[in-house]
N, C-alpha and C. Protein backbone atom coordinates (compact mmCIF):
# COMPACT_ATOMS: atom_id res chain seq x y z
N MET A 1 27.46 19.91 -1.72
CA MET A 1 27.07 19.60 -3.11
C MET A 1 27.23 20.73 -4.21
N THR A 2 26.97 21.05 -5.41
CA THR A 2 26.39 22.32 -6.28
C THR A 2 25.38 22.05 -6.16
N ASP A 3 25.63 22.95 -6.81
CA ASP A 3 23.82 23.11 -7.08
C ASP A 3 22.87 22.33 -8.14
N GLY A 4 23.99 22.28 -8.98
CA GLY A 4 23.91 21.46 -10.02
C GLY A 4 23.44 19.65 -9.55
N ARG A 5 24.43 19.37 -8.13
CA ARG A 5 24.13 17.92 -7.48
C ARG A 5 23.08 18.50 -7.04
N LEU A 6 22.91 19.03 -6.54
CA LEU A 6 22.00 18.83 -5.96
C LEU A 6 20.18 19.24 -6.53
N GLN A 7 20.35 19.03 -7.66
CA GLN A 7 19.19 19.31 -8.70
C GLN A 7 18.65 17.88 -8.92
N SER A 8 20.13 17.44 -9.62
CA SER A 8 20.38 15.94 -10.08
C SER A 8 19.61 14.92 -8.89
N VAL A 9 20.17 15.22 -7.52
CA VAL A 9 20.07 14.35 -6.71
C VAL A 9 17.77 14.59 -5.86
N THR A 10 17.88 15.72 -6.28
CA THR A 10 16.72 16.02 -6.34
C THR A 10 15.90 15.81 -7.52
N PHE A 11 16.15 15.71 -8.08
CA PHE A 11 15.21 15.35 -9.65
C PHE A 11 14.64 14.26 -9.00
N ASP A 12 16.38 12.95 -8.73
CA ASP A 12 16.30 11.34 -9.04
C ASP A 12 14.90 11.48 -7.50
N LYS A 13 15.29 11.61 -6.75
CA LYS A 13 14.32 11.23 -5.30
C LYS A 13 12.85 11.63 -6.09
N ALA A 14 12.58 12.81 -6.92
CA ALA A 14 11.29 13.20 -7.24
C ALA A 14 10.85 11.93 -8.26
N ILE A 15 11.32 10.91 -8.92
CA ILE A 15 11.15 10.05 -10.01
C ILE A 15 11.13 8.86 -9.05
N ALA A 16 11.77 8.37 -7.73
CA ALA A 16 11.32 7.78 -7.30
C ALA A 16 10.42 8.03 -7.16
N LEU A 17 9.75 8.84 -5.98
CA LEU A 17 8.07 8.94 -5.54
C LEU A 17 7.52 9.00 -6.91
N PHE A 18 7.29 9.25 -7.77
CA PHE A 18 6.82 9.80 -8.92
C PHE A 18 6.44 8.15 -9.62
N ARG A 19 7.48 7.22 -9.62
CA ARG A 19 6.99 5.64 -10.25
C ARG A 19 6.49 4.73 -8.85
N GLN A 20 5.99 5.57 -7.48
CA GLN A 20 6.23 4.55 -6.32
C GLN A 20 4.00 4.88 -6.84
N GLY A 21 3.72 6.14 -7.32
CA GLY A 21 2.49 7.01 -6.54
C GLY A 21 2.78 8.02 -6.17
N GLN A 22 3.81 8.70 -5.33
CA GLN A 22 3.96 9.31 -4.73
C GLN A 22 3.49 11.25 -4.67
N PHE A 23 2.43 11.46 -5.53
CA PHE A 23 2.41 12.66 -6.36
C PHE A 23 2.29 13.19 -5.77
N ALA A 24 2.05 13.55 -4.58
CA ALA A 24 2.23 15.01 -3.49
C ALA A 24 3.75 15.61 -3.55
N GLN A 25 4.12 14.65 -3.10
CA GLN A 25 5.36 14.58 -2.30
C GLN A 25 6.31 14.83 -3.49
N ALA A 26 6.33 13.79 -4.73
CA ALA A 26 7.29 14.58 -5.80
C ALA A 26 7.03 15.97 -6.14
N GLN A 27 5.35 16.07 -6.66
CA GLN A 27 5.24 17.43 -7.41
C GLN A 27 5.70 18.52 -6.52
N GLY A 28 6.74 18.72 -5.30
CA GLY A 28 7.24 19.00 -4.43
C GLY A 28 9.21 18.84 -4.69
N LEU A 29 9.43 18.30 -4.86
CA LEU A 29 10.48 18.08 -5.02
C LEU A 29 11.27 18.42 -6.74
N PHE A 30 10.10 17.96 -7.64
CA PHE A 30 10.24 18.57 -8.82
C PHE A 30 9.93 19.75 -8.90
N VAL A 31 9.29 20.84 -8.82
CA VAL A 31 9.61 22.44 -8.73
C VAL A 31 11.14 22.20 -7.07
N LYS A 32 10.94 21.92 -6.64
CA LYS A 32 12.86 22.68 -6.33
C LYS A 32 12.98 22.65 -7.40
N ALA A 33 13.67 21.18 -8.24
CA ALA A 33 14.47 20.62 -8.90
C ALA A 33 14.07 21.70 -10.49
N ALA A 34 13.12 22.21 -10.46
CA ALA A 34 12.61 23.04 -12.26
C ALA A 34 13.53 24.60 -11.31
N ALA A 35 13.98 24.63 -10.00
CA ALA A 35 14.49 25.78 -10.33
C ALA A 35 16.18 26.27 -10.28
N GLY A 36 17.11 24.68 -10.38
CA GLY A 36 18.17 24.54 -10.61
C GLY A 36 18.88 25.64 -11.92
N PRO A 37 20.08 24.90 -11.78
CA PRO A 37 20.75 25.63 -13.14
C PRO A 37 20.63 24.68 -14.74
N ILE A 38 20.53 23.72 -14.33
CA ILE A 38 20.39 22.82 -15.70
C ILE A 38 19.80 22.44 -16.28
N LEU A 39 19.05 23.29 -17.10
CA LEU A 39 17.85 23.95 -17.97
C LEU A 39 16.95 22.56 -18.15
N ASP A 40 17.90 22.15 -18.75
CA ASP A 40 16.79 20.78 -19.30
C ASP A 40 16.48 19.92 -18.26
N MET A 41 16.68 19.49 -17.91
CA MET A 41 16.36 18.71 -15.97
C MET A 41 15.66 20.05 -15.14
N GLY A 42 15.96 21.23 -15.42
CA GLY A 42 14.65 21.82 -14.84
C GLY A 42 13.30 22.36 -15.81
N TYR A 43 13.28 22.27 -16.61
CA TYR A 43 12.20 21.93 -18.02
C TYR A 43 11.97 20.40 -18.05
N ALA A 44 12.62 19.22 -17.75
CA ALA A 44 11.63 18.09 -17.28
C ALA A 44 10.94 17.39 -15.62
N ALA A 45 11.27 18.41 -15.32
CA ALA A 45 10.71 19.18 -13.70
C ALA A 45 9.45 19.64 -13.61
N ARG A 46 9.59 20.56 -14.35
CA ARG A 46 8.63 21.24 -14.95
C ARG A 46 7.32 20.38 -15.35
N ALA A 47 8.10 20.22 -16.33
CA ALA A 47 7.17 19.28 -16.81
C ALA A 47 6.60 17.51 -16.34
N HIS A 48 7.14 17.32 -15.58
CA HIS A 48 6.53 15.81 -14.46
C HIS A 48 5.72 17.34 -13.00
N ALA A 49 6.12 17.90 -12.84
CA ALA A 49 5.33 18.69 -11.72
C ALA A 49 4.22 18.81 -11.90
N ARG A 50 3.42 19.33 -13.10
CA ARG A 50 2.44 19.31 -14.18
C ARG A 50 1.36 18.05 -14.18
N MET A 51 2.52 16.90 -14.95
CA MET A 51 1.72 15.47 -14.36
C MET A 51 1.32 14.68 -12.70
N CYS A 52 1.69 15.57 -12.06
CA CYS A 52 1.97 15.14 -11.00
C CYS A 52 0.80 15.75 -10.54
N GLU A 53 0.34 17.37 -10.90
CA GLU A 53 -0.30 18.16 -10.05
C GLU A 53 -1.91 17.57 -10.98
N SER A 54 -1.61 17.24 -11.90
CA SER A 54 -2.85 16.38 -13.29
C SER A 54 -3.52 15.35 -12.08
N ARG A 55 -2.44 14.01 -11.72
CA ARG A 55 -3.31 12.96 -10.72
C ARG A 55 -2.82 13.03 -10.01
N ILE A 56 -2.84 14.59 -8.60
CA ILE A 56 -3.63 14.24 -7.92
C ILE A 56 -4.37 14.84 -7.25
N GLY A 57 -5.26 16.11 -9.02
CA GLY A 57 -6.27 16.63 -8.99
C GLY A 57 -7.66 15.29 -9.04
N ARG A 58 -6.92 14.60 -10.06
CA ARG A 58 -7.83 13.36 -10.09
C ARG A 58 -8.28 12.51 -8.67
N ALA A 59 -9.76 12.68 -9.52
CA ALA A 59 -10.74 12.40 -7.66
C ALA A 59 -10.49 10.41 -8.19
N ALA A 60 -10.47 9.45 -6.75
CA ALA A 60 -10.57 8.28 -6.72
C ALA A 60 -11.88 8.01 -7.82
N PRO A 61 -11.88 6.86 -8.23
CA PRO A 61 -13.47 6.13 -9.05
C PRO A 61 -14.41 5.89 -7.55
N ALA A 62 -15.06 6.45 -7.87
CA ALA A 62 -16.40 5.66 -7.21
C ALA A 62 -16.35 4.36 -6.68
N ALA A 63 -15.97 4.02 -5.09
CA ALA A 63 -16.22 1.97 -5.39
C ALA A 63 -17.41 2.29 -4.97
N LYS A 64 -18.79 1.14 -5.79
CA LYS A 64 -19.92 1.08 -5.30
C LYS A 64 -20.29 -0.31 -5.10
N THR A 65 -19.81 -1.88 -4.96
CA THR A 65 -19.46 -2.40 -4.84
C THR A 65 -18.56 -3.30 -4.10
N VAL A 66 -18.75 -4.20 -3.87
CA VAL A 66 -18.00 -4.99 -2.35
C VAL A 66 -16.25 -5.18 -3.30
N GLU A 67 -17.02 -5.13 -4.81
CA GLU A 67 -15.81 -5.84 -5.68
C GLU A 67 -14.65 -4.66 -5.98
N ASP A 68 -15.30 -3.45 -6.28
CA ASP A 68 -15.14 -2.42 -5.95
C ASP A 68 -14.07 -1.92 -4.94
N HIS A 69 -14.68 -1.70 -3.97
CA HIS A 69 -13.33 -1.13 -2.52
C HIS A 69 -12.56 -2.14 -2.10
N TYR A 70 -12.89 -3.66 -3.08
CA TYR A 70 -11.51 -4.59 -2.88
C TYR A 70 -10.55 -5.01 -3.67
N ASN A 71 -10.89 -4.26 -5.01
CA ASN A 71 -9.94 -3.85 -6.04
C ASN A 71 -9.48 -2.67 -5.66
N TRP A 72 -10.39 -1.73 -5.46
CA TRP A 72 -9.08 -0.43 -4.86
C TRP A 72 -8.42 -0.87 -3.89
N GLY A 73 -8.83 -1.15 -2.96
CA GLY A 73 -8.15 -0.94 -1.60
C GLY A 73 -6.83 -1.53 -2.58
N VAL A 74 -6.80 -2.94 -3.08
CA VAL A 74 -5.82 -3.04 -3.27
C VAL A 74 -4.69 -2.82 -4.25
N ALA A 75 -5.23 -1.94 -5.32
CA ALA A 75 -4.37 -1.07 -5.67
C ALA A 75 -3.84 -0.43 -4.89
N LEU A 76 -4.49 0.28 -3.50
CA LEU A 76 -3.68 1.37 -3.09
C LEU A 76 -2.67 0.55 -2.32
N LEU A 77 -3.08 -0.33 -1.90
CA LEU A 77 -2.14 -1.98 -0.67
C LEU A 77 -0.84 -1.95 -1.86
N ASN A 78 -0.96 -1.89 -3.37
CA ASN A 78 0.13 -2.46 -3.95
C ASN A 78 1.46 -1.11 -3.88
N GLN A 79 0.41 0.36 -3.82
CA GLN A 79 1.17 1.41 -3.79
C GLN A 79 1.63 1.84 -2.92
N GLY A 80 1.35 1.34 -1.70
CA GLY A 80 1.70 1.66 -0.35
C GLY A 80 0.84 2.39 0.30
N ARG A 81 -0.03 2.87 0.11
CA ARG A 81 -0.92 3.74 0.64
C ARG A 81 -2.04 2.66 1.80
N PHE A 82 -1.28 2.46 2.70
CA PHE A 82 -1.72 1.66 3.14
C PHE A 82 -3.50 1.91 3.89
N GLN A 83 -3.08 2.94 4.74
CA GLN A 83 -4.41 3.77 5.66
C GLN A 83 -5.69 4.11 3.89
N GLU A 84 -5.23 4.18 2.91
CA GLU A 84 -6.68 4.79 2.42
C GLU A 84 -6.56 2.87 1.23
N ALA A 85 -5.94 2.08 1.65
CA ALA A 85 -6.21 0.54 1.39
C ALA A 85 -7.01 0.12 2.82
N GLU A 86 -7.26 0.49 3.88
CA GLU A 86 -7.61 -0.18 4.88
C GLU A 86 -9.40 0.68 4.91
N GLU A 87 -9.37 1.48 4.31
CA GLU A 87 -10.86 2.28 4.23
C GLU A 87 -11.82 1.63 3.93
N HIS A 88 -10.93 0.96 2.26
CA HIS A 88 -11.75 0.00 1.09
C HIS A 88 -11.61 -1.25 1.63
N LEU A 89 -10.70 -1.52 2.24
CA LEU A 89 -11.03 -2.91 2.24
C LEU A 89 -12.38 -3.55 3.79
N HIS A 90 -12.34 -2.09 4.92
CA HIS A 90 -12.76 -1.91 5.87
C HIS A 90 -14.39 -2.02 5.39
N GLU A 91 -14.70 -1.42 4.37
CA GLU A 91 -15.67 -1.54 4.18
C GLU A 91 -15.86 -2.38 3.05
N ALA A 92 -15.72 -3.07 2.40
CA ALA A 92 -16.42 -4.83 1.46
C ALA A 92 -16.14 -5.78 2.51
N ALA A 93 -15.21 -5.49 3.99
CA ALA A 93 -15.65 -6.89 5.01
C ALA A 93 -16.92 -6.14 5.56
N ARG A 94 -17.71 -5.31 6.04
CA ARG A 94 -18.60 -4.60 6.00
C ARG A 94 -19.30 -4.74 5.71
N VAL A 95 -19.74 -5.28 3.72
CA VAL A 95 -20.78 -5.71 3.33
C VAL A 95 -21.02 -7.06 3.68
N ALA A 96 -19.58 -7.40 3.41
CA ALA A 96 -19.30 -8.58 3.04
C ALA A 96 -18.64 -9.56 3.99
N PRO A 97 -19.22 -9.80 5.00
CA PRO A 97 -18.09 -10.27 6.27
C PRO A 97 -17.82 -11.42 5.75
N ASN A 98 -18.25 -12.19 5.13
CA ASN A 98 -17.85 -14.22 4.93
C ASN A 98 -16.52 -13.96 3.75
N ALA A 99 -15.67 -13.33 3.53
CA ALA A 99 -15.17 -12.90 2.31
C ALA A 99 -14.00 -13.23 2.53
N ASP A 100 -12.92 -14.20 3.47
CA ASP A 100 -12.03 -14.25 3.34
C ASP A 100 -11.02 -13.70 2.52
N TYR A 101 -11.51 -13.72 1.52
CA TYR A 101 -9.58 -12.76 0.84
C TYR A 101 -9.68 -11.49 1.08
N ILE A 102 -10.78 -10.94 1.84
CA ILE A 102 -11.06 -9.50 1.71
C ILE A 102 -10.07 -9.47 3.71
N HIS A 103 -10.71 -9.75 4.24
CA HIS A 103 -10.16 -10.05 5.48
C HIS A 103 -8.62 -10.44 5.15
N TYR A 104 -8.33 -11.01 4.49
CA TYR A 104 -6.40 -11.97 4.50
C TYR A 104 -6.28 -10.42 4.18
N ALA A 105 -6.79 -9.49 2.63
CA ALA A 105 -5.81 -8.36 2.43
C ALA A 105 -5.89 -7.25 3.34
N LEU A 106 -6.93 -7.53 4.40
CA LEU A 106 -7.10 -6.22 5.10
C LEU A 106 -6.19 -6.43 6.64
N ALA A 107 -5.45 -7.59 6.35
CA ALA A 107 -4.78 -8.13 7.08
C ALA A 107 -3.57 -7.81 6.96
N LEU A 108 -3.04 -8.17 6.13
CA LEU A 108 -1.83 -7.38 4.96
C LEU A 108 -1.48 -5.64 5.31
N SER A 109 -2.58 -4.86 4.86
CA SER A 109 -2.66 -3.72 5.05
C SER A 109 -2.09 -3.54 6.25
N ARG A 110 -3.14 -3.90 7.69
CA ARG A 110 -2.90 -3.51 8.70
C ARG A 110 -1.32 -3.39 9.30
N GLY A 111 -0.55 -5.04 8.47
CA GLY A 111 0.18 -5.21 9.99
C GLY A 111 1.71 -4.07 8.23
N LEU A 112 1.53 -4.13 7.53
CA LEU A 112 1.68 -4.01 6.76
C LEU A 112 2.16 -2.21 7.40
N ARG A 113 1.77 -1.25 7.77
CA ARG A 113 1.59 0.37 8.45
C ARG A 113 2.10 -0.71 9.94
N GLY A 114 2.30 -1.85 10.56
CA GLY A 114 2.86 -1.54 11.61
C GLY A 114 1.92 -2.44 12.72
N ASP A 115 -0.07 -2.03 12.95
CA ASP A 115 -0.62 -2.13 13.77
C ASP A 115 -0.58 -4.29 13.35
N MET A 116 0.07 -5.00 14.61
CA MET A 116 0.15 -5.94 14.19
C MET A 116 -1.07 -7.04 15.42
N GLN A 117 -1.43 -6.45 16.05
CA GLN A 117 -2.70 -6.78 16.72
C GLN A 117 -3.74 -7.03 15.72
N ARG A 118 -4.50 -5.69 15.29
CA ARG A 118 -5.60 -5.76 14.25
C ARG A 118 -5.39 -6.38 13.21
N ALA A 119 -4.46 -6.49 12.60
CA ALA A 119 -3.44 -7.49 11.74
C ALA A 119 -3.64 -9.36 11.50
N SER A 120 -2.67 -9.44 13.43
CA SER A 120 -3.85 -10.71 13.54
C SER A 120 -5.28 -11.92 13.64
N GLU A 121 -5.77 -10.32 14.04
CA GLU A 121 -7.46 -9.89 14.22
C GLU A 121 -8.14 -10.44 12.89
N SER A 122 -7.13 -10.50 11.89
CA SER A 122 -8.35 -9.41 10.15
C SER A 122 -8.28 -11.37 10.42
N LEU A 123 -6.27 -11.58 9.50
CA LEU A 123 -6.02 -12.46 9.35
C LEU A 123 -6.55 -13.96 10.60
N GLN A 124 -7.15 -14.28 11.73
CA GLN A 124 -7.57 -14.95 12.36
C GLN A 124 -9.11 -15.33 11.72
N ARG A 125 -9.37 -13.99 11.34
CA ARG A 125 -11.09 -14.07 10.86
C ARG A 125 -10.39 -14.54 9.07
N ALA A 126 -9.74 -14.47 8.30
CA ALA A 126 -9.90 -15.27 6.92
C ALA A 126 -9.71 -16.07 7.33
N ILE A 127 -8.53 -16.93 8.46
CA ILE A 127 -8.64 -18.73 8.51
C ILE A 127 -9.58 -19.19 9.00
N GLU A 128 -10.65 -18.61 10.27
CA GLU A 128 -11.79 -18.93 10.35
C GLU A 128 -12.82 -19.23 8.97
N ILE A 129 -12.71 -18.42 8.05
CA ILE A 129 -13.85 -18.44 7.17
C ILE A 129 -12.43 -19.47 5.69
N GLN A 130 -11.59 -19.20 5.40
CA GLN A 130 -11.17 -20.76 4.95
C GLN A 130 -10.04 -20.57 5.48
N PRO A 131 -9.90 -22.09 6.24
CA PRO A 131 -7.95 -22.49 7.05
C PRO A 131 -7.37 -22.00 5.83
N LYS A 132 -7.67 -22.55 5.14
CA LYS A 132 -5.91 -23.02 4.06
C LYS A 132 -5.86 -21.23 3.63
N ASN A 133 -6.37 -20.39 4.55
CA ASN A 133 -5.52 -19.13 4.64
C ASN A 133 -4.22 -19.17 5.68
N ARG A 134 -3.93 -20.00 6.58
CA ARG A 134 -2.91 -19.57 7.61
C ARG A 134 -2.35 -20.77 6.29
N ALA A 135 -1.69 -21.31 5.20
CA ALA A 135 -0.68 -22.00 5.02
C ALA A 135 -0.15 -20.87 3.73
N GLN A 136 -1.72 -20.59 2.76
CA GLN A 136 -1.28 -19.45 1.86
C GLN A 136 -0.22 -17.55 2.94
N ALA A 137 -1.05 -17.58 4.14
CA ALA A 137 0.19 -16.45 4.41
C ALA A 137 1.30 -16.55 4.93
N LEU A 138 1.40 -18.29 5.08
CA LEU A 138 2.96 -19.14 5.38
C LEU A 138 3.95 -18.84 4.19
N SER A 139 3.20 -19.20 3.19
CA SER A 139 3.99 -19.18 1.47
C SER A 139 3.72 -17.37 1.03
N ASP A 140 3.29 -16.64 1.36
CA ASP A 140 3.12 -15.65 0.61
C ASP A 140 3.97 -14.69 0.57
N PRO A 141 5.01 -13.76 -0.49
CA PRO A 141 5.71 -13.33 0.06
C PRO A 141 5.89 -11.81 0.60
N ASP A 142 4.48 -11.49 0.27
CA ASP A 142 3.89 -10.57 0.79
C ASP A 142 3.84 -9.95 2.28
N PHE A 143 3.71 -11.48 3.07
CA PHE A 143 3.46 -11.78 4.24
C PHE A 143 4.83 -12.36 4.98
N ALA A 144 5.71 -12.65 4.11
CA ALA A 144 7.44 -12.79 4.73
C ALA A 144 7.65 -12.08 5.81
N GLY A 145 8.16 -10.31 6.11
CA GLY A 145 8.68 -9.70 7.22
C GLY A 145 6.66 -9.69 8.12
N LEU A 146 5.70 -10.47 8.08
CA LEU A 146 4.75 -10.30 9.37
C LEU A 146 4.82 -12.09 10.18
N VAL A 147 4.76 -12.70 9.25
CA VAL A 147 4.69 -13.72 10.58
C VAL A 147 5.53 -14.79 10.95
N HIS A 148 6.52 -13.90 11.19
CA HIS A 148 7.29 -14.04 12.80
C HIS A 148 7.34 -12.36 13.79
N GLN A 149 6.61 -11.45 13.10
CA GLN A 149 6.11 -10.96 14.42
C GLN A 149 4.85 -11.51 14.94
N ARG A 150 4.99 -10.67 16.20
CA ARG A 150 3.46 -10.72 17.04
C ARG A 150 2.59 -10.45 17.12
N PRO A 151 1.57 -10.56 17.13
CA PRO A 151 0.82 -12.09 17.25
C PRO A 151 0.81 -12.55 16.36
N ILE A 152 1.47 -11.95 15.20
CA ILE A 152 0.85 -13.05 14.08
C ILE A 152 1.51 -14.52 13.86
N ALA A 153 2.75 -14.51 14.50
CA ALA A 153 3.30 -15.71 15.02
C ALA A 153 2.81 -16.94 15.06
N ALA A 154 1.47 -16.39 16.33
CA ALA A 154 1.53 -16.75 17.57
C ALA A 154 0.38 -18.16 16.86
N LEU A 155 -0.77 -16.95 15.99
CA LEU A 155 -1.64 -17.36 15.51
C LEU A 155 -1.20 -18.77 14.13
N LEU A 156 0.03 -18.11 13.51
CA LEU A 156 0.66 -19.27 12.93
C LEU A 156 1.39 -20.44 12.76
N PHE A 157 1.72 -20.17 14.32
CA PHE A 157 2.56 -22.08 14.37
C PHE A 157 2.32 -22.08 15.17
N SER A 158 0.64 -21.38 15.94
CA SER A 158 0.56 -21.96 17.20
C SER A 158 -0.31 -24.11 16.62
N PRO A 159 -0.56 -24.61 17.77
CA PRO A 159 -0.33 -26.15 17.50
C PRO A 159 -2.37 -26.00 17.06
N ARG A 160 -2.25 -26.73 16.18
CA ARG A 160 -3.66 -26.42 15.60
C ARG A 160 -4.88 -27.84 15.93
N GLU A 161 -6.00 -27.56 16.16
CA GLU A 161 -6.57 -28.89 16.51
C GLU A 161 -6.91 -29.24 15.08
N PRO A 162 -7.02 -31.06 15.42
CA PRO A 162 -7.52 -31.63 14.47
C PRO A 162 -7.97 -31.71 13.48
N GLU A 163 -7.68 -31.17 12.20
CA GLU A 163 -8.90 -31.55 11.39
C GLU A 163 -10.23 -32.65 11.10
N THR A 164 -11.06 -32.55 11.00
CA THR A 164 -12.51 -33.85 10.80
C THR A 164 -12.92 -33.44 9.71
């Protein structure tokens, strides 16, 4: 691969990471791309590296309320930052243990991270609080990759007691 081609591939990977909000990883690739032979791309890479540095340096907003923790957790979840999302969602669930939507989001985060046992426990709690969460999980595109995973599948597809 030529130096120019390598620079272009590196820059493209960095842009993809930048768009996903993974600024630390993107910054390292932008720095590498800035050293390449294509001057315009090097200039753009340096500018993007500075943007990454700025975004990395920003402190996360201070979450004070249950809703702050929940909203920040969902935002992090949407960025694929599952561990950080779980921290905020866990704090929200600690303060509001009967908020089904928090347990539901926590189940999703844990499942996407691959912790199916804890995801199932969180989803079970969400369903206990609000039985409609069972149907929601089955039709939710975010849960599509999780509904057939054990033990989530057992929870969602197991025979239920008749509702009275």
